[in-house]
Amino acid sequence: MNQSSASDRVKSPSGGRLEAEWRASLVDGRLTCPTAFDIASRLKVRRRIVGDTANDLHIRIIDCQLGCFGLKKATHDDLRGKTIDPALTKTVQSSSSEGMLPCPVAFSIARKHKVSPKEVCDAATVIDVKIVGCQLGCF
């Protein structure tokens, strides 16, 4: 399968629309994770394309919805005393493999449990499960 080059993504018709969407959506020259998801949805493109194009244009993505970057990431000490639903923790544990939970799975768990993606990440942090495979390609 041929992967498009960075210049092809930016020059393609969807790349031009992506760039226009970003430029209109930047906050202090940066693009937030939720906004990047919204752009992908509006333009009907894969989230990874949004992330790759942002990277090509040297636009930094901030404020990860899971709390992995841009927002203060929870540490074990930060979570001490915080109540985390045992059913959520159990789902995170059973959905992880080798101590890792893919970003799309974290979002799916959030929808299933009707909690924020950040709460899923907090549950993962408590049980030493690492979030991997950012849908935007940031990590």
N, C-alpha and C. Protein backbone atom coordinates (compact mmCIF):
# COMPACT_ATOMS: atom_id res chain seq x y z
N MET A 1 0.84 -1.18 0.00
CA MET A 1 0.00 0.00 0.00
C MET A 1 0.88 1.24 0.00
N ASN A 2 0.67 2.14 -0.93
CA ASN A 2 1.46 3.35 -1.02
C ASN A 2 0.99 4.36 0.00
N GLN A 3 1.94 4.92 0.73
CA GLN A 3 1.60 5.99 1.64
C GLN A 3 1.89 7.30 0.95
N SER A 4 1.02 8.28 1.16
CA SER A 4 1.26 9.57 0.53
C SER A 4 2.37 10.28 1.27
N SER A 5 3.13 11.07 0.52
CA SER A 5 4.19 11.84 1.14
C SER A 5 3.58 13.04 1.84
N ALA A 6 4.37 13.66 2.68
CA ALA A 6 3.90 14.84 3.40
C ALA A 6 3.44 15.91 2.43
N SER A 7 4.22 16.15 1.37
CA SER A 7 3.85 17.20 0.43
C SER A 7 2.58 16.85 -0.32
N ASP A 8 2.36 15.56 -0.62
CA ASP A 8 1.13 15.15 -1.30
C ASP A 8 -0.09 15.41 -0.42
N ARG A 9 0.02 15.13 0.90
CA ARG A 9 -1.12 15.35 1.79
C ARG A 9 -1.49 16.82 1.84
N VAL A 10 -0.50 17.69 1.94
CA VAL A 10 -0.78 19.11 2.05
C VAL A 10 -1.30 19.67 0.73
N LYS A 11 -0.83 19.14 -0.42
CA LYS A 11 -1.24 19.65 -1.72
C LYS A 11 -2.55 19.06 -2.22
N SER A 12 -2.99 17.93 -1.67
CA SER A 12 -4.22 17.30 -2.15
C SER A 12 -5.42 18.18 -1.83
N PRO A 13 -6.55 17.97 -2.54
CA PRO A 13 -7.74 18.76 -2.25
C PRO A 13 -8.15 18.66 -0.77
N SER A 14 -8.12 17.47 -0.20
CA SER A 14 -8.50 17.35 1.21
C SER A 14 -7.45 18.02 2.08
N GLY A 15 -6.19 17.97 1.65
CA GLY A 15 -5.13 18.63 2.40
C GLY A 15 -5.35 20.13 2.45
N GLY A 16 -5.79 20.71 1.34
CA GLY A 16 -6.09 22.14 1.30
C GLY A 16 -7.25 22.48 2.22
N ARG A 17 -8.28 21.64 2.23
CA ARG A 17 -9.41 21.87 3.14
C ARG A 17 -8.95 21.69 4.58
N LEU A 18 -8.10 20.69 4.81
CA LEU A 18 -7.60 20.48 6.16
C LEU A 18 -6.84 21.71 6.64
N GLU A 19 -5.96 22.22 5.79
CA GLU A 19 -5.17 23.38 6.18
C GLU A 19 -6.07 24.57 6.50
N ALA A 20 -7.09 24.79 5.66
CA ALA A 20 -8.01 25.90 5.91
C ALA A 20 -8.75 25.71 7.24
N GLU A 21 -9.18 24.47 7.51
CA GLU A 21 -9.87 24.18 8.77
C GLU A 21 -8.95 24.46 9.96
N TRP A 22 -7.68 24.01 9.85
CA TRP A 22 -6.75 24.23 10.96
C TRP A 22 -6.51 25.69 11.21
N ARG A 23 -6.20 26.38 10.14
CA ARG A 23 -5.87 27.80 10.28
C ARG A 23 -7.01 28.54 10.98
N ALA A 24 -8.25 28.15 10.70
CA ALA A 24 -9.41 28.79 11.32
C ALA A 24 -9.62 28.31 12.76
N SER A 25 -9.02 27.20 13.12
CA SER A 25 -9.28 26.58 14.42
C SER A 25 -8.14 26.70 15.41
N LEU A 26 -7.04 27.32 15.02
CA LEU A 26 -5.87 27.38 15.90
C LEU A 26 -6.13 28.26 17.12
N VAL A 27 -5.56 27.83 18.23
CA VAL A 27 -5.58 28.59 19.47
C VAL A 27 -4.13 28.86 19.81
N ASP A 28 -3.74 30.13 19.77
CA ASP A 28 -2.35 30.50 20.01
C ASP A 28 -1.39 29.71 19.12
N GLY A 29 -1.79 29.50 17.86
CA GLY A 29 -0.94 28.80 16.90
C GLY A 29 -0.93 27.29 17.06
N ARG A 30 -1.81 26.76 17.91
CA ARG A 30 -1.86 25.32 18.16
C ARG A 30 -3.26 24.79 17.91
N LEU A 31 -3.35 23.48 17.72
CA LEU A 31 -4.61 22.80 17.46
C LEU A 31 -4.90 21.86 18.61
N THR A 32 -6.09 21.98 19.21
CA THR A 32 -6.41 21.08 20.32
C THR A 32 -6.83 19.72 19.80
N CYS A 33 -6.61 18.71 20.59
CA CYS A 33 -7.01 17.34 20.23
C CYS A 33 -8.51 17.26 19.91
N PRO A 34 -9.40 17.81 20.76
CA PRO A 34 -10.82 17.73 20.41
C PRO A 34 -11.15 18.41 19.09
N THR A 35 -10.49 19.52 18.80
CA THR A 35 -10.73 20.23 17.53
C THR A 35 -10.23 19.39 16.37
N ALA A 36 -9.10 18.72 16.52
CA ALA A 36 -8.58 17.85 15.47
C ALA A 36 -9.56 16.72 15.17
N PHE A 37 -10.15 16.14 16.22
CA PHE A 37 -11.17 15.10 16.03
C PHE A 37 -12.37 15.67 15.27
N ASP A 38 -12.79 16.88 15.65
CA ASP A 38 -13.94 17.52 14.98
C ASP A 38 -13.65 17.78 13.50
N ILE A 39 -12.45 18.24 13.19
CA ILE A 39 -12.07 18.49 11.80
C ILE A 39 -12.13 17.20 11.00
N ALA A 40 -11.58 16.12 11.54
CA ALA A 40 -11.61 14.83 10.85
C ALA A 40 -13.06 14.41 10.57
N SER A 41 -13.91 14.61 11.54
CA SER A 41 -15.32 14.23 11.38
C SER A 41 -16.01 15.09 10.32
N ARG A 42 -15.80 16.41 10.38
CA ARG A 42 -16.43 17.31 9.41
C ARG A 42 -15.97 17.03 7.98
N LEU A 43 -14.67 16.74 7.82
CA LEU A 43 -14.12 16.52 6.47
C LEU A 43 -14.17 15.06 6.05
N LYS A 44 -14.64 14.20 6.96
CA LYS A 44 -14.75 12.77 6.67
C LYS A 44 -13.41 12.17 6.24
N VAL A 45 -12.39 12.47 7.05
CA VAL A 45 -11.06 11.89 6.83
C VAL A 45 -10.64 11.19 8.11
N ARG A 46 -9.68 10.28 7.99
CA ARG A 46 -9.17 9.58 9.17
C ARG A 46 -8.47 10.57 10.09
N ARG A 47 -8.60 10.35 11.37
CA ARG A 47 -7.97 11.24 12.35
C ARG A 47 -6.46 11.30 12.15
N ARG A 48 -5.87 10.18 11.75
CA ARG A 48 -4.42 10.15 11.55
C ARG A 48 -4.00 11.13 10.44
N ILE A 49 -4.84 11.29 9.42
CA ILE A 49 -4.54 12.24 8.34
C ILE A 49 -4.50 13.66 8.91
N VAL A 50 -5.43 13.97 9.80
CA VAL A 50 -5.44 15.28 10.44
C VAL A 50 -4.14 15.49 11.22
N GLY A 51 -3.76 14.49 12.00
CA GLY A 51 -2.53 14.59 12.78
C GLY A 51 -1.29 14.70 11.91
N ASP A 52 -1.22 13.88 10.85
CA ASP A 52 -0.06 13.91 9.96
C ASP A 52 0.05 15.26 9.25
N THR A 53 -1.09 15.79 8.82
CA THR A 53 -1.06 17.07 8.12
C THR A 53 -0.68 18.19 9.08
N ALA A 54 -1.17 18.14 10.31
CA ALA A 54 -0.76 19.13 11.31
C ALA A 54 0.76 19.08 11.50
N ASN A 55 1.28 17.87 11.57
CA ASN A 55 2.72 17.71 11.71
C ASN A 55 3.46 18.29 10.50
N ASP A 56 2.95 17.99 9.30
CA ASP A 56 3.56 18.52 8.07
C ASP A 56 3.61 20.04 8.07
N LEU A 57 2.57 20.66 8.65
CA LEU A 57 2.47 22.12 8.67
C LEU A 57 3.11 22.72 9.92
N HIS A 58 3.76 21.86 10.71
CA HIS A 58 4.42 22.28 11.95
C HIS A 58 3.44 22.92 12.93
N ILE A 59 2.23 22.35 12.96
CA ILE A 59 1.21 22.79 13.91
C ILE A 59 1.19 21.79 15.06
N ARG A 60 1.39 22.29 16.25
CA ARG A 60 1.43 21.42 17.43
C ARG A 60 0.02 21.11 17.91
N ILE A 61 -0.24 19.84 18.19
CA ILE A 61 -1.52 19.42 18.76
C ILE A 61 -1.37 19.41 20.28
N ILE A 62 -2.34 20.00 20.95
CA ILE A 62 -2.29 20.14 22.42
C ILE A 62 -3.57 19.60 23.05
N ASP A 63 -3.56 19.51 24.37
CA ASP A 63 -4.73 19.16 25.17
C ASP A 63 -5.36 17.82 24.82
N CYS A 64 -4.56 16.77 24.91
CA CYS A 64 -5.04 15.41 24.70
C CYS A 64 -6.27 15.14 25.56
N GLN A 65 -7.30 14.59 24.95
CA GLN A 65 -8.54 14.30 25.68
C GLN A 65 -8.36 13.24 26.75
N LEU A 66 -7.30 12.43 26.61
CA LEU A 66 -7.01 11.41 27.62
C LEU A 66 -6.11 11.95 28.73
N GLY A 67 -5.57 13.14 28.53
CA GLY A 67 -4.69 13.73 29.52
C GLY A 67 -3.24 13.32 29.33
N CYS A 68 -2.90 12.75 28.18
CA CYS A 68 -1.53 12.27 27.95
C CYS A 68 -0.55 13.42 27.70
N PHE A 69 -1.04 14.54 27.18
CA PHE A 69 -0.19 15.73 27.00
C PHE A 69 -1.08 16.96 26.95
N GLY A 70 -0.48 18.09 27.29
CA GLY A 70 -1.18 19.35 27.17
C GLY A 70 -2.01 19.72 28.39
N LEU A 71 -2.59 18.76 29.01
CA LEU A 71 -3.27 18.97 30.27
C LEU A 71 -2.38 18.33 31.32
N LYS A 72 -2.58 18.69 32.57
CA LYS A 72 -1.77 18.08 33.61
C LYS A 72 -2.07 16.59 33.65
N LYS A 73 -1.06 15.77 33.35
CA LYS A 73 -1.24 14.32 33.36
C LYS A 73 -1.31 13.83 34.80
N ALA A 74 -2.27 12.99 35.04
CA ALA A 74 -2.42 12.43 36.39
C ALA A 74 -1.28 11.47 36.68
N THR A 75 -0.78 11.56 37.88
CA THR A 75 0.22 10.60 38.35
C THR A 75 -0.45 9.78 39.45
N HIS A 76 0.23 8.77 39.90
CA HIS A 76 -0.35 7.94 40.96
C HIS A 76 -0.66 8.79 42.19
N ASP A 77 0.23 9.72 42.55
CA ASP A 77 0.01 10.57 43.72
C ASP A 77 -1.22 11.45 43.52
N ASP A 78 -1.39 11.99 42.29
CA ASP A 78 -2.55 12.85 42.00
C ASP A 78 -3.85 12.09 42.15
N LEU A 79 -3.82 10.80 41.93
CA LEU A 79 -5.04 9.99 41.96
C LEU A 79 -5.32 9.38 43.33
N ARG A 80 -4.38 9.55 44.24
CA ARG A 80 -4.57 8.99 45.58
C ARG A 80 -5.83 9.59 46.20
N GLY A 81 -6.73 8.73 46.63
CA GLY A 81 -7.97 9.17 47.25
C GLY A 81 -9.10 9.42 46.26
N LYS A 82 -8.79 9.44 44.96
CA LYS A 82 -9.84 9.64 43.95
C LYS A 82 -10.60 8.33 43.78
N THR A 83 -11.92 8.42 43.75
CA THR A 83 -12.74 7.23 43.56
C THR A 83 -12.83 6.91 42.08
N ILE A 84 -12.42 5.71 41.73
CA ILE A 84 -12.51 5.25 40.35
C ILE A 84 -13.40 4.01 40.35
N ASP A 85 -14.38 4.03 39.48
CA ASP A 85 -15.35 2.94 39.39
C ASP A 85 -14.62 1.61 39.15
N PRO A 86 -14.81 0.63 40.03
CA PRO A 86 -14.16 -0.67 39.85
C PRO A 86 -14.52 -1.35 38.51
N ALA A 87 -15.74 -1.14 38.04
CA ALA A 87 -16.15 -1.73 36.75
C ALA A 87 -15.33 -1.11 35.61
N LEU A 88 -15.05 0.19 35.70
CA LEU A 88 -14.23 0.87 34.69
C LEU A 88 -12.81 0.31 34.72
N THR A 89 -12.26 0.19 35.91
CA THR A 89 -10.91 -0.35 36.05
C THR A 89 -10.83 -1.78 35.50
N LYS A 90 -11.84 -2.57 35.78
CA LYS A 90 -11.87 -3.95 35.29
C LYS A 90 -11.91 -3.98 33.76
N THR A 91 -12.71 -3.09 33.15
CA THR A 91 -12.79 -3.04 31.70
C THR A 91 -11.45 -2.60 31.10
N VAL A 92 -10.82 -1.62 31.71
CA VAL A 92 -9.50 -1.16 31.22
C VAL A 92 -8.51 -2.32 31.29
N GLN A 93 -8.49 -3.01 32.41
CA GLN A 93 -7.56 -4.13 32.59
C GLN A 93 -7.81 -5.22 31.56
N SER A 94 -9.07 -5.59 31.38
CA SER A 94 -9.38 -6.69 30.46
C SER A 94 -9.20 -6.29 28.99
N SER A 95 -9.22 -4.99 28.71
CA SER A 95 -9.06 -4.52 27.33
C SER A 95 -7.61 -4.24 26.97
N SER A 96 -6.75 -4.23 27.98
CA SER A 96 -5.33 -3.93 27.72
C SER A 96 -4.59 -5.22 27.37
N SER A 97 -3.47 -5.03 26.74
CA SER A 97 -2.61 -6.16 26.39
C SER A 97 -1.18 -5.78 26.71
N GLU A 98 -0.53 -6.60 27.50
CA GLU A 98 0.86 -6.36 27.91
C GLU A 98 1.03 -4.97 28.52
N GLY A 99 0.03 -4.55 29.31
CA GLY A 99 0.12 -3.27 30.00
C GLY A 99 -0.11 -2.06 29.13
N MET A 100 -0.70 -2.27 27.94
CA MET A 100 -0.95 -1.16 27.03
C MET A 100 -2.40 -1.16 26.56
N LEU A 101 -2.95 0.04 26.42
CA LEU A 101 -4.33 0.21 25.96
C LEU A 101 -4.33 1.22 24.81
N PRO A 102 -4.74 0.79 23.62
CA PRO A 102 -4.76 1.72 22.47
C PRO A 102 -5.76 2.86 22.68
N CYS A 103 -5.39 4.03 22.23
CA CYS A 103 -6.22 5.22 22.32
C CYS A 103 -7.66 4.97 21.83
N PRO A 104 -7.86 4.36 20.64
CA PRO A 104 -9.25 4.14 20.20
C PRO A 104 -10.05 3.27 21.17
N VAL A 105 -9.38 2.31 21.79
CA VAL A 105 -10.07 1.44 22.76
C VAL A 105 -10.44 2.24 24.00
N ALA A 106 -9.58 3.15 24.42
CA ALA A 106 -9.89 4.01 25.57
C ALA A 106 -11.14 4.83 25.30
N PHE A 107 -11.26 5.37 24.09
CA PHE A 107 -12.46 6.14 23.74
C PHE A 107 -13.70 5.25 23.72
N SER A 108 -13.55 4.05 23.23
CA SER A 108 -14.67 3.10 23.21
C SER A 108 -15.12 2.76 24.62
N ILE A 109 -14.17 2.56 25.50
CA ILE A 109 -14.49 2.27 26.91
C ILE A 109 -15.22 3.47 27.53
N ALA A 110 -14.77 4.67 27.22
CA ALA A 110 -15.41 5.88 27.76
C ALA A 110 -16.88 5.94 27.33
N ARG A 111 -17.13 5.65 26.05
CA ARG A 111 -18.52 5.66 25.58
C ARG A 111 -19.34 4.58 26.28
N LYS A 112 -18.76 3.39 26.40
CA LYS A 112 -19.47 2.26 27.02
C LYS A 112 -19.84 2.56 28.47
N HIS A 113 -18.91 3.17 29.20
CA HIS A 113 -19.13 3.45 30.62
C HIS A 113 -19.73 4.84 30.87
N LYS A 114 -19.92 5.60 29.79
CA LYS A 114 -20.49 6.95 29.89
C LYS A 114 -19.67 7.84 30.82
N VAL A 115 -18.35 7.80 30.59
CA VAL A 115 -17.41 8.65 31.33
C VAL A 115 -16.54 9.38 30.33
N SER A 116 -15.76 10.33 30.80
CA SER A 116 -14.85 11.05 29.91
C SER A 116 -13.65 10.17 29.56
N PRO A 117 -13.03 10.42 28.41
CA PRO A 117 -11.80 9.69 28.09
C PRO A 117 -10.73 9.87 29.17
N LYS A 118 -10.69 11.04 29.80
CA LYS A 118 -9.71 11.31 30.86
C LYS A 118 -9.92 10.36 32.04
N GLU A 119 -11.17 10.04 32.36
CA GLU A 119 -11.44 9.12 33.46
C GLU A 119 -10.93 7.71 33.13
N VAL A 120 -11.00 7.33 31.86
CA VAL A 120 -10.46 6.04 31.44
C VAL A 120 -8.94 6.05 31.63
N CYS A 121 -8.31 7.15 31.24
CA CYS A 121 -6.86 7.26 31.40
C CYS A 121 -6.47 7.23 32.88
N ASP A 122 -7.27 7.89 33.73
CA ASP A 122 -6.99 7.85 35.17
C ASP A 122 -7.05 6.41 35.68
N ALA A 123 -8.06 5.66 35.26
CA ALA A 123 -8.17 4.25 35.67
C ALA A 123 -6.96 3.47 35.19
N ALA A 124 -6.54 3.74 33.96
CA ALA A 124 -5.36 3.05 33.41
C ALA A 124 -4.11 3.40 34.21
N THR A 125 -3.96 4.66 34.56
CA THR A 125 -2.79 5.09 35.32
C THR A 125 -2.70 4.37 36.66
N VAL A 126 -3.83 4.25 37.33
CA VAL A 126 -3.87 3.61 38.65
C VAL A 126 -3.41 2.16 38.57
N ILE A 127 -3.72 1.47 37.48
CA ILE A 127 -3.35 0.05 37.39
C ILE A 127 -2.12 -0.16 36.48
N ASP A 128 -1.37 0.93 36.27
CA ASP A 128 -0.13 0.88 35.49
C ASP A 128 -0.32 0.39 34.06
N VAL A 129 -1.38 0.81 33.42
CA VAL A 129 -1.61 0.52 32.01
C VAL A 129 -1.30 1.80 31.24
N LYS A 130 -0.50 1.68 30.20
CA LYS A 130 -0.07 2.82 29.41
C LYS A 130 -0.98 2.97 28.18
N ILE A 131 -1.40 4.21 27.91
CA ILE A 131 -2.18 4.50 26.70
C ILE A 131 -1.20 4.61 25.54
N VAL A 132 -1.50 3.94 24.44
CA VAL A 132 -0.62 3.93 23.24
C VAL A 132 -1.46 4.14 22.00
N GLY A 133 -0.80 4.39 20.89
CA GLY A 133 -1.46 4.43 19.59
C GLY A 133 -2.42 5.58 19.39
N CYS A 134 -1.96 6.79 19.67
CA CYS A 134 -2.79 7.99 19.49
C CYS A 134 -3.44 7.98 18.10
N GLN A 135 -4.72 8.30 18.06
CA GLN A 135 -5.45 8.32 16.79
C GLN A 135 -4.96 9.44 15.87
N LEU A 136 -4.32 10.45 16.45
CA LEU A 136 -3.77 11.56 15.65
C LEU A 136 -2.30 11.35 15.32
N GLY A 137 -1.72 10.30 15.88
CA GLY A 137 -0.31 9.99 15.64
C GLY A 137 0.65 10.76 16.53
N CYS A 138 0.16 11.32 17.61
CA CYS A 138 1.02 12.11 18.51
C CYS A 138 1.91 11.25 19.40
N PHE A 139 1.47 10.03 19.69
CA PHE A 139 2.26 9.10 20.50
C PHE A 139 1.92 7.69 20.11
